[in-house]
Amino acid sequence: MIEYVIWGIPPNEKEEILLLEKPQGETIKSIEHAQKFKLWCENKGATNVRIQKIDLTENNILNLFTGAIQ
């Protein structure tokens, strides 16, 4: 499963934060929706807005844990 989250700097702030993870309680599951939310954040005054793709497929999660445990 692939999910997307939106990062950026809110208006009048200096540090990047997670702007959107689950708008209206739903995960962002397509790049098209992520791009629309990115534009929405920019229109609200956020800067340096970026989309992060999170790969939650079983193989990717196993690789993350396998690489961390040594």
N, C-alpha and C. Protein backbone atom coordinates (compact mmCIF):
# COMPACT_ATOMS: atom_id res chain seq x y z
N MET A 1 0.84 -1.17 0.00
CA MET A 1 0.00 0.00 0.00
C MET A 1 0.90 1.24 0.00
N ILE A 2 0.54 2.19 -0.82
CA ILE A 2 1.26 3.45 -0.93
C ILE A 2 0.38 4.56 -0.35
N GLU A 3 0.99 5.41 0.48
CA GLU A 3 0.30 6.57 1.02
C GLU A 3 1.17 7.79 0.79
N TYR A 4 0.55 8.96 0.84
CA TYR A 4 1.27 10.21 0.66
C TYR A 4 0.94 11.14 1.82
N VAL A 5 1.93 11.92 2.25
CA VAL A 5 1.73 12.95 3.26
C VAL A 5 2.34 14.24 2.73
N ILE A 6 1.87 15.36 3.28
CA ILE A 6 2.29 16.67 2.81
C ILE A 6 3.06 17.39 3.92
N TRP A 7 4.27 17.80 3.60
CA TRP A 7 5.14 18.54 4.53
C TRP A 7 5.30 19.96 4.02
N GLY A 8 5.58 20.89 4.93
CA GLY A 8 5.86 22.25 4.52
C GLY A 8 5.99 23.17 5.72
N ILE A 9 6.18 24.43 5.42
CA ILE A 9 6.32 25.45 6.45
C ILE A 9 5.04 26.28 6.46
N PRO A 10 4.29 26.24 7.57
CA PRO A 10 3.05 27.03 7.63
C PRO A 10 3.35 28.54 7.60
N PRO A 11 2.35 29.35 7.26
CA PRO A 11 2.56 30.81 7.26
C PRO A 11 3.04 31.28 8.64
N ASN A 12 3.95 32.22 8.63
CA ASN A 12 4.50 32.84 9.86
C ASN A 12 5.30 31.87 10.73
N GLU A 13 5.73 30.76 10.18
CA GLU A 13 6.56 29.79 10.91
C GLU A 13 7.89 29.66 10.19
N LYS A 14 8.88 29.05 10.86
CA LYS A 14 10.21 28.89 10.27
C LYS A 14 10.61 27.43 10.09
N GLU A 15 9.90 26.54 10.75
CA GLU A 15 10.26 25.12 10.72
C GLU A 15 9.24 24.32 9.91
N GLU A 16 9.75 23.33 9.19
CA GLU A 16 8.89 22.42 8.45
C GLU A 16 8.15 21.50 9.41
N ILE A 17 6.87 21.27 9.12
CA ILE A 17 6.06 20.32 9.89
C ILE A 17 5.22 19.48 8.94
N LEU A 18 4.63 18.45 9.47
CA LEU A 18 3.68 17.65 8.72
C LEU A 18 2.39 18.44 8.60
N LEU A 19 2.03 18.83 7.38
CA LEU A 19 0.84 19.65 7.18
C LEU A 19 -0.41 18.81 7.04
N LEU A 20 -0.34 17.75 6.27
CA LEU A 20 -1.50 16.88 6.05
C LEU A 20 -1.08 15.42 6.02
N GLU A 21 -1.77 14.63 6.80
CA GLU A 21 -1.53 13.19 6.80
C GLU A 21 -2.81 12.46 6.39
N LYS A 22 -3.89 12.81 7.05
CA LYS A 22 -5.18 12.17 6.78
C LYS A 22 -6.28 13.22 6.73
N PRO A 23 -6.35 13.96 5.62
CA PRO A 23 -7.41 14.96 5.53
C PRO A 23 -8.79 14.30 5.59
N GLN A 24 -9.64 14.82 6.43
CA GLN A 24 -10.99 14.29 6.64
C GLN A 24 -10.95 12.83 7.06
N GLY A 25 -9.87 12.41 7.74
CA GLY A 25 -9.76 11.06 8.27
C GLY A 25 -9.37 9.99 7.26
N GLU A 26 -9.10 10.39 6.04
CA GLU A 26 -8.74 9.43 4.99
C GLU A 26 -7.30 9.61 4.56
N THR A 27 -6.58 8.52 4.38
CA THR A 27 -5.21 8.62 3.88
C THR A 27 -5.22 9.08 2.43
N ILE A 28 -4.16 9.73 2.03
CA ILE A 28 -4.02 10.17 0.64
C ILE A 28 -3.38 9.01 -0.12
N LYS A 29 -4.14 8.43 -1.05
CA LYS A 29 -3.70 7.19 -1.70
C LYS A 29 -3.27 7.35 -3.15
N SER A 30 -3.35 8.56 -3.70
CA SER A 30 -2.90 8.74 -5.09
C SER A 30 -2.08 10.02 -5.19
N ILE A 31 -1.14 10.01 -6.11
CA ILE A 31 -0.29 11.18 -6.32
C ILE A 31 -1.14 12.35 -6.82
N GLU A 32 -2.19 12.06 -7.56
CA GLU A 32 -3.06 13.13 -8.05
C GLU A 32 -3.72 13.88 -6.90
N HIS A 33 -4.22 13.14 -5.92
CA HIS A 33 -4.83 13.78 -4.75
C HIS A 33 -3.76 14.52 -3.94
N ALA A 34 -2.60 13.93 -3.82
CA ALA A 34 -1.51 14.56 -3.08
C ALA A 34 -1.13 15.90 -3.72
N GLN A 35 -1.11 15.95 -5.04
CA GLN A 35 -0.76 17.19 -5.74
C GLN A 35 -1.82 18.26 -5.51
N LYS A 36 -3.10 17.84 -5.45
CA LYS A 36 -4.17 18.80 -5.16
C LYS A 36 -4.05 19.34 -3.74
N PHE A 37 -3.74 18.48 -2.77
CA PHE A 37 -3.56 18.93 -1.40
C PHE A 37 -2.32 19.82 -1.25
N LYS A 38 -1.27 19.51 -2.01
CA LYS A 38 -0.07 20.35 -2.00
C LYS A 38 -0.42 21.76 -2.48
N LEU A 39 -1.14 21.86 -3.57
CA LEU A 39 -1.56 23.14 -4.11
C LEU A 39 -2.46 23.87 -3.10
N TRP A 40 -3.36 23.15 -2.45
CA TRP A 40 -4.24 23.73 -1.44
C TRP A 40 -3.42 24.35 -0.31
N CYS A 41 -2.41 23.62 0.17
CA CYS A 41 -1.54 24.13 1.24
C CYS A 41 -0.81 25.38 0.79
N GLU A 42 -0.31 25.36 -0.45
CA GLU A 42 0.39 26.54 -0.97
C GLU A 42 -0.55 27.73 -1.07
N ASN A 43 -1.79 27.50 -1.49
CA ASN A 43 -2.77 28.58 -1.58
C ASN A 43 -3.14 29.14 -0.21
N LYS A 44 -2.96 28.35 0.83
CA LYS A 44 -3.21 28.81 2.20
C LYS A 44 -2.00 29.52 2.80
N GLY A 45 -0.91 29.61 2.03
CA GLY A 45 0.25 30.37 2.47
C GLY A 45 1.43 29.54 2.94
N ALA A 46 1.35 28.22 2.88
CA ALA A 46 2.48 27.38 3.26
C ALA A 46 3.58 27.49 2.20
N THR A 47 4.82 27.37 2.65
CA THR A 47 5.95 27.43 1.72
C THR A 47 6.75 26.13 1.81
N ASN A 48 7.61 25.93 0.82
CA ASN A 48 8.45 24.72 0.73
C ASN A 48 7.62 23.46 0.90
N VAL A 49 6.45 23.46 0.31
CA VAL A 49 5.54 22.31 0.44
C VAL A 49 6.06 21.18 -0.44
N ARG A 50 6.05 19.97 0.14
CA ARG A 50 6.52 18.80 -0.61
C ARG A 50 5.65 17.60 -0.28
N ILE A 51 5.66 16.66 -1.18
CA ILE A 51 4.90 15.42 -1.02
C ILE A 51 5.88 14.31 -0.66
N GLN A 52 5.55 13.55 0.37
CA GLN A 52 6.35 12.38 0.73
C GLN A 52 5.54 11.13 0.41
N LYS A 53 6.16 10.23 -0.33
CA LYS A 53 5.55 8.94 -0.65
C LYS A 53 5.99 7.93 0.39
N ILE A 54 5.02 7.24 0.99
CA ILE A 54 5.33 6.23 2.00
C ILE A 54 4.89 4.88 1.45
N ASP A 55 5.84 3.98 1.33
CA ASP A 55 5.58 2.64 0.79
C ASP A 55 5.38 1.68 1.95
N LEU A 56 4.14 1.25 2.14
CA LEU A 56 3.81 0.34 3.24
C LEU A 56 3.58 -1.09 2.76
N THR A 57 4.16 -1.43 1.61
CA THR A 57 4.03 -2.80 1.14
C THR A 57 4.82 -3.72 2.08
N GLU A 58 4.42 -4.94 2.16
CA GLU A 58 5.03 -5.88 3.11
C GLU A 58 6.53 -5.99 2.92
N ASN A 59 6.99 -6.12 1.69
CA ASN A 59 8.44 -6.27 1.44
C ASN A 59 9.21 -5.04 1.90
N ASN A 60 8.67 -3.86 1.66
CA ASN A 60 9.37 -2.65 2.05
C ASN A 60 9.46 -2.54 3.57
N ILE A 61 8.39 -2.86 4.27
CA ILE A 61 8.40 -2.80 5.74
C ILE A 61 9.40 -3.81 6.29
N LEU A 62 9.42 -5.01 5.74
CA LEU A 62 10.38 -6.02 6.20
C LEU A 62 11.81 -5.55 5.98
N ASN A 63 12.08 -4.91 4.85
CA ASN A 63 13.42 -4.40 4.56
C ASN A 63 13.82 -3.31 5.55
N LEU A 64 12.88 -2.46 5.94
CA LEU A 64 13.19 -1.41 6.90
C LEU A 64 13.62 -2.01 8.23
N PHE A 65 12.87 -3.02 8.71
CA PHE A 65 13.21 -3.62 9.99
C PHE A 65 14.47 -4.48 9.90
N THR A 66 14.63 -5.20 8.82
CA THR A 66 15.81 -6.05 8.66
C THR A 66 17.07 -5.22 8.63
N GLY A 67 17.02 -4.09 7.94
CA GLY A 67 18.18 -3.22 7.87
C GLY A 67 18.49 -2.54 9.19
N ALA A 68 17.49 -2.36 10.02
CA ALA A 68 17.69 -1.67 11.30
C ALA A 68 18.22 -2.60 12.39
N ILE A 69 17.94 -3.89 12.25
CA ILE A 69 18.36 -4.84 13.28
C ILE A 69 19.62 -5.56 12.80
N GLN A 70 20.71 -5.34 13.52
CA GLN A 70 21.95 -5.99 13.13
C GLN A 70 22.69 -6.48 14.33
